[in-house]
Amino acid sequence: MADKLKVTLVKSPIGAVPKHKKTITAMGLTKMHKTVEMPDNKATRGMIQQVQYMVKVEEV
């Protein structure tokens, strides 16, 4: 397992479930195609799993 994950927003959260919008914001993804590096832990994996239809994930 990698120690960091690169998470990129590939689908707009407009029209998404409000809880999913808040999750995207909490991850630091504010604009389309923005990429953030996050630690690879269970909390991060849970956030990604919740909004997996809106993000692309790569192991670093």
C-alpha atoms as a PDB file:
ATOM      1  CA  MET A   1       0.000   0.000   0.000  1.00  0.00           C
ATOM      2  CA  ALA A   2       1.215   3.487  -0.801  1.00  0.00           C
ATOM      3  CA  ASP A   3       1.528   6.073   1.942  1.00  0.00           C
ATOM      4  CA  LYS A   4      -0.117   8.849  -0.122  1.00  0.00           C
ATOM      5  CA  LEU A   5      -3.035   9.014  -2.553  1.00  0.00           C
ATOM      6  CA  LYS A   6      -3.568  11.545  -5.343  1.00  0.00           C
ATOM      7  CA  VAL A   7      -7.264  12.359  -5.554  1.00  0.00           C
ATOM      8  CA  THR A   8      -8.616  14.318  -8.548  1.00  0.00           C
ATOM      9  CA  LEU A   9     -12.134  15.719  -8.941  1.00  0.00           C
ATOM     10  CA  VAL A  10     -13.438  14.604 -12.351  1.00  0.00           C
ATOM     11  CA  LYS A  11     -17.207  15.164 -12.002  1.00  0.00           C
ATOM     12  CA  SER A  12     -18.919  18.290 -10.781  1.00  0.00           C
ATOM     13  CA  PRO A  13     -20.609  18.034  -7.378  1.00  0.00           C
ATOM     14  CA  ILE A  14     -23.462  20.244  -8.621  1.00  0.00           C
ATOM     15  CA  GLY A  15     -26.639  18.232  -8.158  1.00  0.00           C
ATOM     16  CA  ALA A  16     -24.937  15.669  -5.911  1.00  0.00           C
ATOM     17  CA  VAL A  17     -26.208  14.593  -2.509  1.00  0.00           C
ATOM     18  CA  PRO A  18     -25.477  17.414  -0.007  1.00  0.00           C
ATOM     19  CA  LYS A  19     -23.457  15.052   2.215  1.00  0.00           C
ATOM     20  CA  HIS A  20     -21.262  14.166  -0.771  1.00  0.00           C
ATOM     21  CA  LYS A  21     -20.724  17.859  -1.570  1.00  0.00           C
ATOM     22  CA  LYS A  22     -19.480  18.406   1.980  1.00  0.00           C
ATOM     23  CA  THR A  23     -17.172  15.411   1.692  1.00  0.00           C
ATOM     24  CA  ILE A  24     -15.644  16.787  -1.524  1.00  0.00           C
ATOM     25  CA  THR A  25     -15.103  20.163   0.182  1.00  0.00           C
ATOM     26  CA  ALA A  26     -13.587  18.498   3.258  1.00  0.00           C
ATOM     27  CA  MET A  27     -11.113  16.705   0.992  1.00  0.00           C
ATOM     28  CA  GLY A  28      -9.946  20.094  -0.308  1.00  0.00           C
ATOM     29  CA  LEU A  29     -11.349  19.655  -3.805  1.00  0.00           C
ATOM     30  CA  THR A  30     -12.836  22.998  -4.793  1.00  0.00           C
ATOM     31  CA  LYS A  31     -12.647  23.012  -8.605  1.00  0.00           C
ATOM     32  CA  MET A  32     -12.859  20.503 -11.429  1.00  0.00           C
ATOM     33  CA  HIS A  33      -9.612  18.657 -12.209  1.00  0.00           C
ATOM     34  CA  LYS A  34      -7.969  19.841  -8.989  1.00  0.00           C
ATOM     35  CA  THR A  35      -5.673  17.240  -7.435  1.00  0.00           C
ATOM     36  CA  VAL A  36      -4.791  16.869  -3.769  1.00  0.00           C
ATOM     37  CA  GLU A  37      -2.463  14.442  -2.008  1.00  0.00           C
ATOM     38  CA  MET A  38      -3.981  12.746   1.011  1.00  0.00           C
ATOM     39  CA  PRO A  39      -2.589  10.198   3.465  1.00  0.00           C
ATOM     40  CA  ASP A  40      -3.567   6.605   2.788  1.00  0.00           C
ATOM     41  CA  ASN A  41      -5.572   5.633   5.859  1.00  0.00           C
ATOM     42  CA  LYS A  42      -9.002   4.248   6.652  1.00  0.00           C
ATOM     43  CA  ALA A  43     -10.618   7.680   7.069  1.00  0.00           C
ATOM     44  CA  THR A  44      -9.412   8.843   3.659  1.00  0.00           C
ATOM     45  CA  ARG A  45     -10.406   5.559   2.009  1.00  0.00           C
ATOM     46  CA  GLY A  46     -13.911   5.917   3.490  1.00  0.00           C
ATOM     47  CA  MET A  47     -14.284   9.442   2.114  1.00  0.00           C
ATOM     48  CA  ILE A  48     -13.119   8.270  -1.314  1.00  0.00           C
ATOM     49  CA  GLN A  49     -15.490   5.299  -1.283  1.00  0.00           C
ATOM     50  CA  GLN A  50     -18.436   7.600  -0.522  1.00  0.00           C
ATOM     51  CA  VAL A  51     -17.753   9.855  -3.542  1.00  0.00           C
ATOM     52  CA  GLN A  52     -16.003   7.374  -5.846  1.00  0.00           C
ATOM     53  CA  TYR A  53     -18.263   8.335  -8.772  1.00  0.00           C
ATOM     54  CA  MET A  54     -16.844  11.892  -8.709  1.00  0.00           C
ATOM     55  CA  VAL A  55     -13.119  11.300  -8.151  1.00  0.00           C
ATOM     56  CA  LYS A  56     -10.124   9.557  -9.693  1.00  0.00           C
ATOM     57  CA  VAL A  57      -7.569   8.026  -7.314  1.00  0.00           C
ATOM     58  CA  GLU A  58      -3.911   7.206  -7.926  1.00  0.00           C
ATOM     59  CA  GLU A  59      -1.403   5.712  -5.491  1.00  0.00           C
ATOM     60  CA  VAL A  60       1.799   7.717  -5.114  1.00  0.00           C
END
